[in-house]
Amino acid sequence: MPACWAAARGFRLKSVLASGASGHSGPSADDSGGLLVYETETLEEAEALIREDPFTKGGVFLTWTIRGWKPIMANPALFPV
C-alpha cells in the first residue's frame, strides 16, 4: 500500500466500521486487489457503501465486483458475534 493510502487508512476504517456494515476487509498478499465483506440486505446497499467509501472517493478503489454470499459456517474464535 503506498504511503499516501496508509495515511487515509485510519480514517477509512473508522468511517466504514461506523456504518455498521463492514465485517472484514483487507488487501491481497500481492496488493493486486482486496476483499471487502459488507453485511447488507441488498446488493444495491453494498454498491452504495462502496461508492461512498473514502478509498473509492480518493481513487484507491477503481473497480469492483459485488457478489452475494451465503455464509454457512464461521470459526467463532476468529469471527465473534
C-alpha atoms as a PDB file:
ATOM      1  CA  MET A   1       0.000   0.000   0.000  1.00  0.00           C
ATOM      2  CA  PRO A   2       1.519   3.351  -0.997  1.00  0.00           C
ATOM      3  CA  ALA A   3       2.284   5.721   1.884  1.00  0.00           C
ATOM      4  CA  CYS A   4      -0.444   8.191   0.845  1.00  0.00           C
ATOM      5  CA  TRP A   5      -3.038   5.408   1.188  1.00  0.00           C
ATOM      6  CA  ALA A   6      -1.738   4.409   4.591  1.00  0.00           C
ATOM      7  CA  ALA A   7      -2.381   7.934   5.871  1.00  0.00           C
ATOM      8  CA  ALA A   8      -6.063   7.652   4.955  1.00  0.00           C
ATOM      9  CA  ARG A   9      -6.428   4.098   6.256  1.00  0.00           C
ATOM     10  CA  GLY A  10      -7.274   5.041   9.858  1.00  0.00           C
ATOM     11  CA  PHE A  11      -9.991   7.436   8.716  1.00  0.00           C
ATOM     12  CA  ARG A  12     -11.371   4.844   6.303  1.00  0.00           C
ATOM     13  CA  LEU A  13     -11.511   2.127   8.950  1.00  0.00           C
ATOM     14  CA  LYS A  14     -13.359   4.375  11.385  1.00  0.00           C
ATOM     15  CA  SER A  15     -15.787   5.508   8.682  1.00  0.00           C
ATOM     16  CA  VAL A  16     -16.575   2.031   7.391  1.00  0.00           C
ATOM     17  CA  LEU A  17     -16.872   0.479  10.830  1.00  0.00           C
ATOM     18  CA  ALA A  18     -19.144   3.313  11.960  1.00  0.00           C
ATOM     19  CA  SER A  19     -21.549   2.360   9.164  1.00  0.00           C
ATOM     20  CA  GLY A  20     -22.066  -0.977  10.899  1.00  0.00           C
ATOM     21  CA  ALA A  21     -21.978  -2.808   7.581  1.00  0.00           C
ATOM     22  CA  SER A  22     -18.367  -3.928   7.265  1.00  0.00           C
ATOM     23  CA  GLY A  23     -17.248  -7.100   8.895  1.00  0.00           C
ATOM     24  CA  HIS A  24     -13.932  -7.892   7.256  1.00  0.00           C
ATOM     25  CA  SER A  25     -11.602  -6.305   4.731  1.00  0.00           C
ATOM     26  CA  GLY A  26      -8.028  -6.336   3.547  1.00  0.00           C
ATOM     27  CA  PRO A  27      -5.661  -6.357   0.589  1.00  0.00           C
ATOM     28  CA  SER A  28      -4.497  -9.483  -1.180  1.00  0.00           C
ATOM     29  CA  ALA A  29      -0.990 -10.613  -0.247  1.00  0.00           C
ATOM     30  CA  ASP A  30       0.442  -9.254  -3.502  1.00  0.00           C
ATOM     31  CA  ASP A  31      -1.520  -5.955  -3.353  1.00  0.00           C
ATOM     32  CA  SER A  32      -3.210  -6.765  -6.665  1.00  0.00           C
ATOM     33  CA  GLY A  33      -6.666  -6.369  -5.139  1.00  0.00           C
ATOM     34  CA  GLY A  34      -8.550  -6.984  -1.951  1.00  0.00           C
ATOM     35  CA  LEU A  35     -11.700  -8.217  -0.304  1.00  0.00           C
ATOM     36  CA  LEU A  36     -14.423  -6.302   1.492  1.00  0.00           C
ATOM     37  CA  VAL A  37     -17.274  -8.129   3.203  1.00  0.00           C
ATOM     38  CA  TYR A  38     -20.318  -5.951   3.801  1.00  0.00           C
ATOM     39  CA  GLU A  39     -23.441  -7.093   5.585  1.00  0.00           C
ATOM     40  CA  THR A  40     -26.390  -5.554   3.730  1.00  0.00           C
ATOM     41  CA  GLU A  41     -29.912  -6.552   2.820  1.00  0.00           C
ATOM     42  CA  THR A  42     -29.432  -5.895  -0.900  1.00  0.00           C
ATOM     43  CA  LEU A  43     -26.682  -5.699  -3.490  1.00  0.00           C
ATOM     44  CA  GLU A  44     -27.719  -2.079  -4.086  1.00  0.00           C
ATOM     45  CA  GLU A  45     -26.936  -1.232  -0.450  1.00  0.00           C
ATOM     46  CA  ALA A  46     -23.484  -2.769  -0.864  1.00  0.00           C
ATOM     47  CA  GLU A  47     -22.970  -0.753  -4.063  1.00  0.00           C
ATOM     48  CA  ALA A  48     -23.907   2.452  -2.225  1.00  0.00           C
ATOM     49  CA  LEU A  49     -21.423   1.661   0.557  1.00  0.00           C
ATOM     50  CA  ILE A  50     -18.537   1.055  -1.825  1.00  0.00           C
ATOM     51  CA  ARG A  51     -19.341   4.240  -3.779  1.00  0.00           C
ATOM     52  CA  GLU A  52     -19.249   6.269  -0.532  1.00  0.00           C
ATOM     53  CA  ASP A  53     -16.134   4.561   0.808  1.00  0.00           C
ATOM     54  CA  PRO A  54     -13.291   7.060   1.361  1.00  0.00           C
ATOM     55  CA  PHE A  55     -10.960   4.841  -0.683  1.00  0.00           C
ATOM     56  CA  THR A  56     -13.358   4.932  -3.637  1.00  0.00           C
ATOM     57  CA  LYS A  57     -13.704   8.697  -3.403  1.00  0.00           C
ATOM     58  CA  GLY A  58      -9.931   9.030  -3.094  1.00  0.00           C
ATOM     59  CA  GLY A  59      -9.220   6.962  -6.196  1.00  0.00           C
ATOM     60  CA  VAL A  60      -7.829   3.892  -4.415  1.00  0.00           C
ATOM     61  CA  PHE A  61     -10.718   1.624  -5.388  1.00  0.00           C
ATOM     62  CA  LEU A  62     -11.110   1.955  -9.154  1.00  0.00           C
ATOM     63  CA  THR A  63     -13.130  -1.165  -9.990  1.00  0.00           C
ATOM     64  CA  TRP A  64     -15.053  -3.734  -8.005  1.00  0.00           C
ATOM     65  CA  THR A  65     -17.329  -6.713  -8.325  1.00  0.00           C
ATOM     66  CA  ILE A  66     -20.190  -7.258  -5.904  1.00  0.00           C
ATOM     67  CA  ARG A  67     -21.424 -10.773  -5.253  1.00  0.00           C
ATOM     68  CA  GLY A  68     -23.999 -12.055  -2.824  1.00  0.00           C
ATOM     69  CA  TRP A  69     -22.669 -14.562  -0.303  1.00  0.00           C
ATOM     70  CA  LYS A  70     -24.408 -17.161   1.829  1.00  0.00           C
ATOM     71  CA  PRO A  71     -22.140 -17.928   4.776  1.00  0.00           C
ATOM     72  CA  ILE A  72     -22.638 -21.431   6.084  1.00  0.00           C
ATOM     73  CA  MET A  73     -20.214 -21.525   8.987  1.00  0.00           C
ATOM     74  CA  ALA A  74     -17.517 -19.495  10.672  1.00  0.00           C
ATOM     75  CA  ASN A  75     -14.981 -20.118  13.372  1.00  0.00           C
ATOM     76  CA  PRO A  76     -16.380 -18.166  16.372  1.00  0.00           C
ATOM     77  CA  ALA A  77     -12.850 -17.648  17.697  1.00  0.00           C
ATOM     78  CA  LEU A  78     -11.994 -15.733  14.509  1.00  0.00           C
ATOM     79  CA  PHE A  79     -15.385 -14.090  13.912  1.00  0.00           C
ATOM     80  CA  PRO A  80     -17.093 -13.457  17.271  1.00  0.00           C
ATOM     81  CA  VAL A  81     -20.718 -12.424  17.154  1.00  0.00           C
END
